[in-house]
PDB file of N, CA and C in Angstrom:
ATOM      1  N   MET A   1       0.253 -19.406  -6.620  1.00  0.00           N
ATOM      2  CA  MET A   1       0.451 -17.919  -6.466  1.00  0.00           C
ATOM      3  C   MET A   1       1.417 -17.459  -7.547  1.00  0.00           C
ATOM      4  N   LYS A   2       1.224 -16.592  -8.464  1.00  0.00           N
ATOM      5  CA  LYS A   2       1.961 -16.194  -9.378  1.00  0.00           C
ATOM      6  C   LYS A   2       2.676 -14.801  -8.971  1.00  0.00           C
ATOM      7  N   LEU A   3       4.083 -14.854  -9.236  1.00  0.00           N
ATOM      8  CA  LEU A   3       4.991 -13.674  -8.845  1.00  0.00           C
ATOM      9  C   LEU A   3       4.658 -12.815  -9.989  1.00  0.00           C
ATOM     10  N   ASN A   4       4.815 -11.633  -9.729  1.00  0.00           N
ATOM     11  CA  ASN A   4       4.574 -10.510 -10.820  1.00  0.00           C
ATOM     12  C   ASN A   4       6.165 -10.255 -11.245  1.00  0.00           C
ATOM     13  N   LEU A   5       6.556 -10.512 -12.396  1.00  0.00           N
ATOM     14  CA  LEU A   5       7.878 -10.290 -12.719  1.00  0.00           C
ATOM     15  C   LEU A   5       8.341  -8.836 -12.843  1.00  0.00           C
ATOM     16  N   ARG A   6       7.348  -8.129 -12.923  1.00  0.00           N
ATOM     17  CA  ARG A   6       7.697  -6.749 -12.785  1.00  0.00           C
ATOM     18  C   ARG A   6       8.175  -6.136 -11.452  1.00  0.00           C
ATOM     19  N   TYR A   7       7.559  -6.716 -10.354  1.00  0.00           N
ATOM     20  CA  TYR A   7       7.888  -6.353  -9.035  1.00  0.00           C
ATOM     21  C   TYR A   7       9.113  -6.905  -8.684  1.00  0.00           C
ATOM     22  N   VAL A   8       9.349  -8.234  -9.067  1.00  0.00           N
ATOM     23  CA  VAL A   8      10.688  -9.014  -8.866  1.00  0.00           C
ATOM     24  C   VAL A   8      11.848  -8.287  -9.488  1.00  0.00           C
ATOM     25  N   GLY A   9      11.561  -7.846 -10.683  1.00  0.00           N
ATOM     26  CA  GLY A   9      12.535  -7.140 -11.362  1.00  0.00           C
ATOM     27  C   GLY A   9      13.020  -5.876 -10.795  1.00  0.00           C
ATOM     28  N   MET A  10      11.865  -4.989 -10.286  1.00  0.00           N
ATOM     29  CA  MET A  10      12.226  -3.957  -9.614  1.00  0.00           C
ATOM     30  C   MET A  10      12.750  -3.906  -8.322  1.00  0.00           C
ATOM     31  N   VAL A  11      12.590  -4.973  -7.622  1.00  0.00           N
ATOM     32  CA  VAL A  11      13.348  -5.282  -6.338  1.00  0.00           C
ATOM     33  C   VAL A  11      14.749  -5.650  -6.504  1.00  0.00           C
ATOM     34  N   LEU A  12      14.882  -6.321  -7.497  1.00  0.00           N
ATOM     35  CA  LEU A  12      16.260  -6.756  -8.019  1.00  0.00           C
ATOM     36  C   LEU A  12      17.172  -5.580  -8.507  1.00  0.00           C
ATOM     37  N   ALA A  13      16.544  -4.813  -9.120  1.00  0.00           N
ATOM     38  CA  ALA A  13      17.073  -3.415  -9.915  1.00  0.00           C
ATOM     39  C   ALA A  13      17.655  -2.624  -8.450  1.00  0.00           C
ATOM     40  N   ILE A  14      16.703  -2.607  -7.571  1.00  0.00           N
ATOM     41  CA  ILE A  14      17.020  -1.544  -6.503  1.00  0.00           C
ATOM     42  C   ILE A  14      18.198  -2.380  -5.530  1.00  0.00           C
ATOM     43  N   LEU A  15      18.219  -3.619  -5.526  1.00  0.00           N
ATOM     44  CA  LEU A  15      19.389  -4.099  -4.638  1.00  0.00           C
ATOM     45  C   LEU A  15      20.526  -4.083  -5.407  1.00  0.00           C
ATOM     46  N   PHE A  16      20.495  -4.280  -6.858  1.00  0.00           N
ATOM     47  CA  PHE A  16      21.800  -4.023  -7.438  1.00  0.00           C
ATOM     48  C   PHE A  16      22.330  -2.571  -7.476  1.00  0.00           C
ATOM     49  N   PHE A  17      21.470  -1.704  -7.393  1.00  0.00           N
ATOM     50  CA  PHE A  17      21.677  -0.420  -7.379  1.00  0.00           C
ATOM     51  C   PHE A  17      22.270  -0.048  -6.027  1.00  0.00           C
ATOM     52  N   VAL A  18      21.750  -0.374  -4.955  1.00  0.00           N
ATOM     53  CA  VAL A  18      22.305  -0.194  -3.615  1.00  0.00           C
ATOM     54  C   VAL A  18      23.677  -0.836  -3.646  1.00  0.00           C
ATOM     55  N   ALA A  19      23.719  -2.063  -3.916  1.00  0.00           N
ATOM     56  CA  ALA A  19      25.075  -2.794  -3.890  1.00  0.00           C
ATOM     57  C   ALA A  19      26.106  -2.173  -4.603  1.00  0.00           C
ATOM     58  N   GLY A  20      25.745  -1.731  -5.848  1.00  0.00           N
ATOM     59  CA  GLY A  20      26.721  -1.091  -6.625  1.00  0.00           C
ATOM     60  C   GLY A  20      27.119   0.228  -6.037  1.00  0.00           C
ATOM     61  N   GLY A  21      26.319   0.960  -5.541  1.00  0.00           N
ATOM     62  CA  GLY A  21      26.684   2.209  -4.874  1.00  0.00           C
ATOM     63  C   GLY A  21      27.477   2.034  -3.880  1.00  0.00           C
ATOM     64  N   VAL A  22      27.099   1.013  -3.075  1.00  0.00           N
ATOM     65  CA  VAL A  22      28.188   0.832  -1.791  1.00  0.00           C
ATOM     66  C   VAL A  22      29.397   0.454  -2.281  1.00  0.00           C
ATOM     67  N   TYR A  23      29.618  -0.638  -3.295  1.00  0.00           N
ATOM     68  CA  TYR A  23      30.961  -0.850  -3.815  1.00  0.00           C
ATOM     69  C   TYR A  23      31.759   0.362  -4.430  1.00  0.00           C
ATOM     70  N   ALA A  24      30.828   1.224  -5.141  1.00  0.00           N
ATOM     71  CA  ALA A  24      31.532   2.279  -5.769  1.00  0.00           C
ATOM     72  C   ALA A  24      32.005   3.369  -4.919  1.00  0.00           C
ATOM     73  N   SER A  25      31.161   3.560  -3.764  1.00  0.00           N
ATOM     74  CA  SER A  25      31.609   4.502  -2.704  1.00  0.00           C
ATOM     75  C   SER A  25      32.830   3.966  -1.866  1.00  0.00           C
ATOM     76  N   GLU A  26      32.928   2.686  -1.762  1.00  0.00           N
ATOM     77  CA  GLU A  26      34.142   2.297  -1.153  1.00  0.00           C
ATOM     78  C   GLU A  26      35.290   2.434  -2.055  1.00  0.00           C
ATOM     79  N   ALA A  27      35.149   2.061  -3.374  1.00  0.00           N
ATOM     80  CA  ALA A  27      36.238   2.394  -4.280  1.00  0.00           C
ATOM     81  C   ALA A  27      36.632   3.775  -4.192  1.00  0.00           C
ATOM     82  N   SER A  28      35.605   4.525  -4.411  1.00  0.00           N
ATOM     83  CA  SER A  28      36.106   6.006  -4.630  1.00  0.00           C
ATOM     84  C   SER A  28      36.621   6.730  -3.107  1.00  0.00           C
ATOM     85  N   ALA A  29      36.063   6.126  -2.158  1.00  0.00           N
ATOM     86  CA  ALA A  29      36.615   6.536  -0.755  1.00  0.00           C
ATOM     87  C   ALA A  29      38.004   6.135  -0.644  1.00  0.00           C
ATOM     88  N   ALA A  30      38.400   4.978  -1.005  1.00  0.00           N
ATOM     89  CA  ALA A  30      39.834   4.412  -0.962  1.00  0.00           C
ATOM     90  C   ALA A  30      40.556   5.343  -1.865  1.00  0.00           C
ATOM     91  N   ALA A  31      40.098   5.823  -3.037  1.00  0.00           N
ATOM     92  CA  ALA A  31      41.075   6.543  -3.807  1.00  0.00           C
ATOM     93  C   ALA A  31      40.998   8.041  -3.236  1.00  0.00           C
ATOM     94  N   GLU A  32      40.002   8.564  -2.743  1.00  0.00           N
ATOM     95  CA  GLU A  32      39.995   9.882  -2.038  1.00  0.00           C
ATOM     96  C   GLU A  32      39.965   9.875  -0.526  1.00  0.00           C
ATOM     97  N   GLU A  33      40.890  10.287   0.159  1.00  0.00           N
ATOM     98  CA  GLU A  33      40.900   9.970   1.506  1.00  0.00           C
ATOM     99  C   GLU A  33      40.142  11.315   2.226  1.00  0.00           C
ATOM    100  N   ALA A  34      39.841  12.161   1.526  1.00  0.00           N
ATOM    101  CA  ALA A  34      39.175  13.344   2.021  1.00  0.00           C
ATOM    102  C   ALA A  34      37.802  13.053   2.726  1.00  0.00           C
ATOM    103  N   GLN A  35      37.098  12.241   2.356  1.00  0.00           N
ATOM    104  CA  GLN A  35      35.692  12.145   2.659  1.00  0.00           C
ATOM    105  C   GLN A  35      35.261  10.543   2.678  1.00  0.00           C
ATOM    106  N   PRO A  36      35.886   9.706   3.470  1.00  0.00           N
ATOM    107  CA  PRO A  36      35.622   8.219   3.373  1.00  0.00           C
ATOM    108  C   PRO A  36      34.449   7.898   4.123  1.00  0.00           C
ATOM    109  N   GLU A  37      34.062   8.539   5.158  1.00  0.00           N
ATOM    110  CA  GLU A  37      33.077   8.089   6.074  1.00  0.00           C
ATOM    111  C   GLU A  37      31.648   8.516   5.545  1.00  0.00           C
ATOM    112  N   SER A  38      31.506   9.869   4.926  1.00  0.00           N
ATOM    113  CA  SER A  38      30.414  10.471   4.607  1.00  0.00           C
ATOM    114  C   SER A  38      29.563   9.551   3.550  1.00  0.00           C
ATOM    115  N   ILE A  39      30.400   9.038   2.336  1.00  0.00           N
ATOM    116  CA  ILE A  39      29.634   8.301   1.416  1.00  0.00           C
ATOM    117  C   ILE A  39      29.128   7.019   2.029  1.00  0.00           C
ATOM    118  N   VAL A  40      29.948   6.312   2.707  1.00  0.00           N
ATOM    119  CA  VAL A  40      29.507   5.104   3.386  1.00  0.00           C
ATOM    120  C   VAL A  40      28.431   5.153   4.116  1.00  0.00           C
ATOM    121  N   ALA A  41      28.430   6.303   5.102  1.00  0.00           N
ATOM    122  CA  ALA A  41      27.443   6.394   5.921  1.00  0.00           C
ATOM    123  C   ALA A  41      26.019   6.473   5.368  1.00  0.00           C
ATOM    124  N   ALA A  42      26.098   7.512   4.299  1.00  0.00           N
ATOM    125  CA  ALA A  42      24.953   7.572   3.324  1.00  0.00           C
ATOM    126  C   ALA A  42      24.443   6.608   2.811  1.00  0.00           C
ATOM    127  N   ALA A  43      25.367   5.712   2.302  1.00  0.00           N
ATOM    128  CA  ALA A  43      24.874   4.420   1.611  1.00  0.00           C
ATOM    129  C   ALA A  43      24.118   3.503   2.645  1.00  0.00           C
ATOM    130  N   LYS A  44      24.749   3.542   3.743  1.00  0.00           N
ATOM    131  CA  LYS A  44      24.193   2.664   4.838  1.00  0.00           C
ATOM    132  C   LYS A  44      22.763   3.169   5.272  1.00  0.00           C
ATOM    133  N   TYR A  45      22.434   4.405   5.409  1.00  0.00           N
ATOM    134  CA  TYR A  45      21.254   4.894   5.621  1.00  0.00           C
ATOM    135  C   TYR A  45      20.046   4.490   4.433  1.00  0.00           C
ATOM    136  N   ILE A  46      20.750   4.670   3.225  1.00  0.00           N
ATOM    137  CA  ILE A  46      19.817   4.455   2.025  1.00  0.00           C
ATOM    138  C   ILE A  46      19.614   2.887   2.059  1.00  0.00           C
ATOM    139  N   ALA A  47      20.371   2.110   2.255  1.00  0.00           N
ATOM    140  CA  ALA A  47      20.335   0.714   2.352  1.00  0.00           C
ATOM    141  C   ALA A  47      19.312   0.283   3.419  1.00  0.00           C
ATOM    142  N   ALA A  48      19.627   0.870   4.738  1.00  0.00           N
ATOM    143  CA  ALA A  48      18.475   0.593   5.821  1.00  0.00           C
ATOM    144  C   ALA A  48      17.012   0.870   5.534  1.00  0.00           C
ATOM    145  N   GLY A  49      16.939   2.073   4.834  1.00  0.00           N
ATOM    146  CA  GLY A  49      15.698   2.568   4.559  1.00  0.00           C
ATOM    147  C   GLY A  49      14.950   1.589   3.395  1.00  0.00           C
ATOM    148  N   LEU A  50      15.832   1.334   2.405  1.00  0.00           N
ATOM    149  CA  LEU A  50      15.198   0.318   1.467  1.00  0.00           C
ATOM    150  C   LEU A  50      14.847  -0.827   2.144  1.00  0.00           C
ATOM    151  N   ALA A  51      15.570  -1.563   3.004  1.00  0.00           N
ATOM    152  CA  ALA A  51      15.385  -2.812   3.723  1.00  0.00           C
ATOM    153  C   ALA A  51      14.095  -2.770   4.388  1.00  0.00           C
ATOM    154  N   VAL A  52      13.909  -1.555   5.182  1.00  0.00           N
ATOM    155  CA  VAL A  52      12.584  -1.556   5.933  1.00  0.00           C
ATOM    156  C   VAL A  52      11.425  -1.245   5.095  1.00  0.00           C
ATOM    157  N   GLY A  53      11.606  -0.559   3.985  1.00  0.00           N
ATOM    158  CA  GLY A  53      10.517   0.014   3.121  1.00  0.00           C
ATOM    159  C   GLY A  53      10.108  -0.999   2.484  1.00  0.00           C
ATOM    160  N   ILE A  54      10.873  -1.918   1.813  1.00  0.00           N
ATOM    161  CA  ILE A  54      10.445  -3.060   0.761  1.00  0.00           C
ATOM    162  C   ILE A  54       9.894  -4.244   1.862  1.00  0.00           C
ATOM    163  N   ALA A  55      10.482  -4.393   2.763  1.00  0.00           N
ATOM    164  CA  ALA A  55       9.935  -5.517   3.735  1.00  0.00           C
ATOM    165  C   ALA A  55       8.548  -5.061   4.339  1.00  0.00           C
ATOM    166  N   CYS A  56       8.386  -3.796   4.410  1.00  0.00           N
ATOM    167  CA  CYS A  56       7.082  -3.356   5.125  1.00  0.00           C
ATOM    168  C   CYS A  56       5.980  -3.556   3.812  1.00  0.00           C
ATOM    169  N   ILE A  57       6.316  -3.098   2.638  1.00  0.00           N
ATOM    170  CA  ILE A  57       5.479  -3.195   1.554  1.00  0.00           C
ATOM    171  C   ILE A  57       5.194  -4.714   1.377  1.00  0.00           C
ATOM    172  N   ALA A  58       6.189  -5.695   1.132  1.00  0.00           N
ATOM    173  CA  ALA A  58       5.839  -6.898   1.052  1.00  0.00           C
ATOM    174  C   ALA A  58       5.195  -7.472   2.094  1.00  0.00           C
ATOM    175  N   GLY A  59       5.331  -7.226   3.334  1.00  0.00           N
ATOM    176  CA  GLY A  59       4.565  -7.706   4.402  1.00  0.00           C
ATOM    177  C   GLY A  59       2.944  -7.362   4.381  1.00  0.00           C
ATOM    178  N   ALA A  60       2.719  -5.971   3.880  1.00  0.00           N
ATOM    179  CA  ALA A  60       1.374  -5.452   3.850  1.00  0.00           C
ATOM    180  C   ALA A  60       0.703  -6.160   2.496  1.00  0.00           C
ATOM    181  N   ILE A  61       1.355  -6.601   1.462  1.00  0.00           N
ATOM    182  CA  ILE A  61       0.732  -7.249   0.410  1.00  0.00           C
ATOM    183  C   ILE A  61       0.438  -8.703   0.949  1.00  0.00           C
ATOM    184  N   ALA A  62       1.138  -9.360   1.675  1.00  0.00           N
ATOM    185  CA  ALA A  62       1.085 -10.737   2.096  1.00  0.00           C
ATOM    186  C   ALA A  62       0.048 -10.613   3.214  1.00  0.00           C
ATOM    187  N   VAL A  63      -0.074  -9.720   4.138  1.00  0.00           N
ATOM    188  CA  VAL A  63      -1.197  -9.668   5.109  1.00  0.00           C
ATOM    189  C   VAL A  63      -2.505  -9.366   4.549  1.00  0.00           C
ATOM    190  N   GLY A  64      -2.497  -8.499   3.504  1.00  0.00           N
ATOM    191  CA  GLY A  64      -3.811  -8.514   2.628  1.00  0.00           C
ATOM    192  C   GLY A  64      -4.324  -9.665   1.954  1.00  0.00           C
ATOM    193  N   LYS A  65      -3.316 -10.331   1.356  1.00  0.00           N
ATOM    194  CA  LYS A  65      -3.752 -11.495   0.644  1.00  0.00           C
ATOM    195  C   LYS A  65      -4.170 -12.714   1.528  1.00  0.00           C
ATOM    196  N   ILE A  66      -3.433 -12.840   2.724  1.00  0.00           N
ATOM    197  CA  ILE A  66      -3.564 -13.933   3.647  1.00  0.00           C
ATOM    198  C   ILE A  66      -4.928 -13.606   4.426  1.00  0.00           C
ATOM    199  N   GLY A  67      -5.059 -12.384   4.856  1.00  0.00           N
ATOM    200  CA  GLY A  67      -6.234 -12.035   5.686  1.00  0.00           C
ATOM    201  C   GLY A  67      -7.465 -12.145   4.816  1.00  0.00           C
ATOM    202  N   ALA A  68      -7.450 -11.802   3.561  1.00  0.00           N
ATOM    203  CA  ALA A  68      -8.771 -11.913   2.698  1.00  0.00           C
ATOM    204  C   ALA A  68      -9.157 -13.512   2.547  1.00  0.00           C
ATOM    205  N   ALA A  69      -8.045 -14.305   2.379  1.00  0.00           N
ATOM    206  CA  ALA A  69      -8.233 -15.825   2.375  1.00  0.00           C
ATOM    207  C   ALA A  69      -8.690 -16.303   3.536  1.00  0.00           C
ATOM    208  N   ALA A  70      -8.263 -15.852   4.686  1.00  0.00           N
ATOM    209  CA  ALA A  70      -8.623 -16.253   6.012  1.00  0.00           C
ATOM    210  C   ALA A  70     -10.047 -16.006   6.299  1.00  0.00           C
ATOM    211  N   MET A  71     -10.502 -14.766   5.990  1.00  0.00           N
ATOM    212  CA  MET A  71     -11.687 -14.274   6.270  1.00  0.00           C
ATOM    213  C   MET A  71     -12.857 -15.149   5.349  1.00  0.00           C
ATOM    214  N   GLY A  72     -12.369 -15.415   4.085  1.00  0.00           N
ATOM    215  CA  GLY A  72     -13.341 -16.294   3.242  1.00  0.00           C
ATOM    216  C   GLY A  72     -13.480 -17.544   3.746  1.00  0.00           C
ATOM    217  N   ALA A  73     -12.280 -18.256   4.233  1.00  0.00           N
ATOM    218  CA  ALA A  73     -12.333 -19.774   4.760  1.00  0.00           C
ATOM    219  C   ALA A  73     -13.291 -19.621   6.095  1.00  0.00           C
ATOM    220  N   MET A  74     -13.040 -18.602   6.913  1.00  0.00           N
ATOM    221  CA  MET A  74     -13.810 -18.679   8.089  1.00  0.00           C
ATOM    222  C   MET A  74     -15.266 -18.256   8.058  1.00  0.00           C
ATOM    223  N   SER A  75     -15.527 -17.733   6.904  1.00  0.00           N
ATOM    224  CA  SER A  75     -16.973 -17.560   6.542  1.00  0.00           C
ATOM    225  C   SER A  75     -17.784 -18.748   6.059  1.00  0.00           C
ATOM    226  N   GLU A  76     -16.886 -19.549   5.623  1.00  0.00           N
ATOM    227  CA  GLU A  76     -17.468 -21.117   5.392  1.00  0.00           C
ATOM    228  C   GLU A  76     -17.473 -22.090   6.388  1.00  0.00           C
ATOM    229  N   ASN A  77     -16.339 -21.860   7.191  1.00  0.00           N
ATOM    230  CA  ASN A  77     -16.343 -22.874   8.320  1.00  0.00           C
ATOM    231  C   ASN A  77     -15.495 -22.093   9.404  1.00  0.00           C
ATOM    232  N   GLU A  78     -16.351 -21.922  10.543  1.00  0.00           N
ATOM    233  CA  GLU A  78     -15.975 -21.100  11.660  1.00  0.00           C
ATOM    234  C   GLU A  78     -14.704 -21.777  12.483  1.00  0.00           C
ATOM    235  N   GLU A  79     -14.463 -23.064  12.190  1.00  0.00           N
ATOM    236  CA  GLU A  79     -13.441 -23.751  12.951  1.00  0.00           C
ATOM    237  C   GLU A  79     -12.099 -23.287  12.547  1.00  0.00           C
ATOM    238  N   LEU A  80     -11.929 -22.808  11.290  1.00  0.00           N
ATOM    239  CA  LEU A  80     -10.741 -22.532  10.754  1.00  0.00           C
ATOM    240  C   LEU A  80     -10.101 -21.292  11.225  1.00  0.00           C
ATOM    241  N   SER A  81     -10.828 -20.614  12.142  1.00  0.00           N
ATOM    242  CA  SER A  81     -10.346 -19.312  12.710  1.00  0.00           C
ATOM    243  C   SER A  81      -8.914 -19.336  13.303  1.00  0.00           C
ATOM    244  N   GLY A  82      -8.946 -20.472  14.180  1.00  0.00           N
ATOM    245  CA  GLY A  82      -7.603 -20.566  14.857  1.00  0.00           C
ATOM    246  C   GLY A  82      -6.523 -21.105  14.244  1.00  0.00           C
ATOM    247  N   LYS A  83      -6.781 -21.800  12.827  1.00  0.00           N
ATOM    248  CA  LYS A  83      -5.808 -22.197  12.033  1.00  0.00           C
ATOM    249  C   LYS A  83      -5.287 -21.310  11.081  1.00  0.00           C
ATOM    250  N   ALA A  84      -6.126 -20.336  10.738  1.00  0.00           N
ATOM    251  CA  ALA A  84      -5.813 -19.242   9.636  1.00  0.00           C
ATOM    252  C   ALA A  84      -5.015 -18.108  10.263  1.00  0.00           C
ATOM    253  N   LEU A  85      -5.323 -17.553  11.468  1.00  0.00           N
ATOM    254  CA  LEU A  85      -4.690 -16.477  11.936  1.00  0.00           C
ATOM    255  C   LEU A  85      -3.157 -16.493  12.169  1.00  0.00           C
ATOM    256  N   PRO A  86      -2.582 -17.819  12.593  1.00  0.00           N
ATOM    257  CA  PRO A  86      -1.212 -17.814  12.683  1.00  0.00           C
ATOM    258  C   PRO A  86      -0.354 -17.378  11.381  1.00  0.00           C
ATOM    259  N   PHE A  87      -1.101 -17.660  10.155  1.00  0.00           N
ATOM    260  CA  PHE A  87      -0.347 -17.423   9.040  1.00  0.00           C
ATOM    261  C   PHE A  87      -0.430 -15.878   8.771  1.00  0.00           C
ATOM    262  N   VAL A  88      -1.285 -15.157   9.228  1.00  0.00           N
ATOM    263  CA  VAL A  88      -1.208 -13.614   9.206  1.00  0.00           C
ATOM    264  C   VAL A  88      -0.167 -13.168  10.001  1.00  0.00           C
ATOM    265  N   GLY A  89       0.105 -13.804  11.229  1.00  0.00           N
ATOM    266  CA  GLY A  89       1.327 -13.343  12.082  1.00  0.00           C
ATOM    267  C   GLY A  89       2.623 -13.669  11.392  1.00  0.00           C
ATOM    268  N   LEU A  90       2.717 -14.879  10.726  1.00  0.00           N
ATOM    269  CA  LEU A  90       3.856 -15.178   9.964  1.00  0.00           C
ATOM    270  C   LEU A  90       4.229 -13.946   8.783  1.00  0.00           C
ATOM    271  N   ALA A  91       3.090 -13.545   8.241  1.00  0.00           N
ATOM    272  CA  ALA A  91       3.220 -12.604   7.141  1.00  0.00           C
ATOM    273  C   ALA A  91       3.696 -11.291   7.832  1.00  0.00           C
ATOM    274  N   GLU A  92       3.244 -10.894   9.087  1.00  0.00           N
ATOM    275  CA  GLU A  92       3.703  -9.691   9.636  1.00  0.00           C
ATOM    276  C   GLU A  92       5.210  -9.759  10.142  1.00  0.00           C
ATOM    277  N   GLY A  93       5.593 -10.961  10.266  1.00  0.00           N
ATOM    278  CA  GLY A  93       7.054 -11.157  10.488  1.00  0.00           C
ATOM    279  C   GLY A  93       8.014 -10.624   9.449  1.00  0.00           C
ATOM    280  N   ILE A  94       7.558 -10.673   8.298  1.00  0.00           N
ATOM    281  CA  ILE A  94       8.409 -10.137   7.236  1.00  0.00           C
ATOM    282  C   ILE A  94       8.800  -8.714   7.583  1.00  0.00           C
ATOM    283  N   CYS A  95       8.062  -7.845   8.075  1.00  0.00           N
ATOM    284  CA  CYS A  95       8.476  -6.638   8.493  1.00  0.00           C
ATOM    285  C   CYS A  95       9.422  -6.580   9.629  1.00  0.00           C
ATOM    286  N   LEU A  96       9.275  -7.504  10.555  1.00  0.00           N
ATOM    287  CA  LEU A  96      10.305  -7.444  11.639  1.00  0.00           C
ATOM    288  C   LEU A  96      11.714  -7.830  11.144  1.00  0.00           C
ATOM    289  N   TRP A  97      11.719  -8.741  10.074  1.00  0.00           N
ATOM    290  CA  TRP A  97      12.967  -9.224   9.539  1.00  0.00           C
ATOM    291  C   TRP A  97      13.558  -8.082   8.881  1.00  0.00           C
ATOM    292  N   GLY A  98      12.749  -7.332   8.049  1.00  0.00           N
ATOM    293  CA  GLY A  98      13.475  -6.057   7.321  1.00  0.00           C
ATOM    294  C   GLY A  98      13.972  -5.109   8.435  1.00  0.00           C
ATOM    295  N   PHE A  99      13.259  -4.860   9.488  1.00  0.00           N
ATOM    296  CA  PHE A  99      13.810  -3.913  10.587  1.00  0.00           C
ATOM    297  C   PHE A  99      15.081  -4.588  11.144  1.00  0.00           C
ATOM    298  N   LEU A 100      15.168  -5.823  11.353  1.00  0.00           N
ATOM    299  CA  LEU A 100      16.441  -6.376  11.754  1.00  0.00           C
ATOM    300  C   LEU A 100      17.544  -6.275  10.858  1.00  0.00           C
ATOM    301  N   VAL A 101      17.283  -6.515   9.502  1.00  0.00           N
ATOM    302  CA  VAL A 101      18.415  -6.297   8.520  1.00  0.00           C
ATOM    303  C   VAL A 101      18.866  -4.846   8.558  1.00  0.00           C
ATOM    304  N   ALA A 102      17.903  -3.958   8.780  1.00  0.00           N
ATOM    305  CA  ALA A 102      18.136  -2.476   8.714  1.00  0.00           C
ATOM    306  C   ALA A 102      19.042  -2.296   9.840  1.00  0.00           C
ATOM    307  N   LEU A 103      18.666  -2.767  11.027  1.00  0.00           N
ATOM    308  CA  LEU A 103      19.510  -2.630  12.227  1.00  0.00           C
ATOM    309  C   LEU A 103      20.835  -3.179  12.113  1.00  0.00           C
ATOM    310  N   PHE A 104      21.268  -4.216  11.501  1.00  0.00           N
ATOM    311  CA  PHE A 104      22.450  -4.849  11.335  1.00  0.00           C
ATOM    312  C   PHE A 104      23.286  -4.085  10.314  1.00  0.00           C
ATOM    313  N   ILE A 105      22.710  -3.437   9.275  1.00  0.00           N
ATOM    314  CA  ILE A 105      23.201  -2.712   8.325  1.00  0.00           C
ATOM    315  C   ILE A 105      23.663  -1.396   8.989  1.00  0.00           C
ATOM    316  N   LEU A 106      23.063  -0.805   9.957  1.00  0.00           N
ATOM    317  CA  LEU A 106      23.322   0.383  10.577  1.00  0.00           C
ATOM    318  C   LEU A 106      24.433   0.045  11.754  1.00  0.00           C
ATOM    319  N   LEU A 107      24.457  -0.852  12.333  1.00  0.00           N
ATOM    320  CA  LEU A 107      25.353  -1.246  13.461  1.00  0.00           C
ATOM    321  C   LEU A 107      26.619  -1.713  12.980  1.00  0.00           C
ATOM    322  N   LEU A 108      26.702  -2.537  11.799  1.00  0.00           N
ATOM    323  CA  LEU A 108      27.780  -3.070  11.394  1.00  0.00           C
ATOM    324  C   LEU A 108      28.613  -2.388  10.281  1.00  0.00           C
TER     325      LEU A 108
END
């Protein structure tokens, strides 16, 4: 399985952008005591949205590829249906992990 470097680079750029924005907002909030909560809260919501969005897109890509491979394997050998379907469930778990990360970002 090849990783598309363009998608990996895009995800890393988004992560660096969010991390840089959080650190910059914390530094500017420390400098200006007038609005410390609003910038950090906005960065939290953006980070939570990105966590869920990226995880769900990645989960959808994984389910699509694994589902297609599972259907192809089941068309050749019907006994593989029980062995292939748990892998689809594992791919769907990626979305759940993204939701949990977003929940932790918002709560902590």
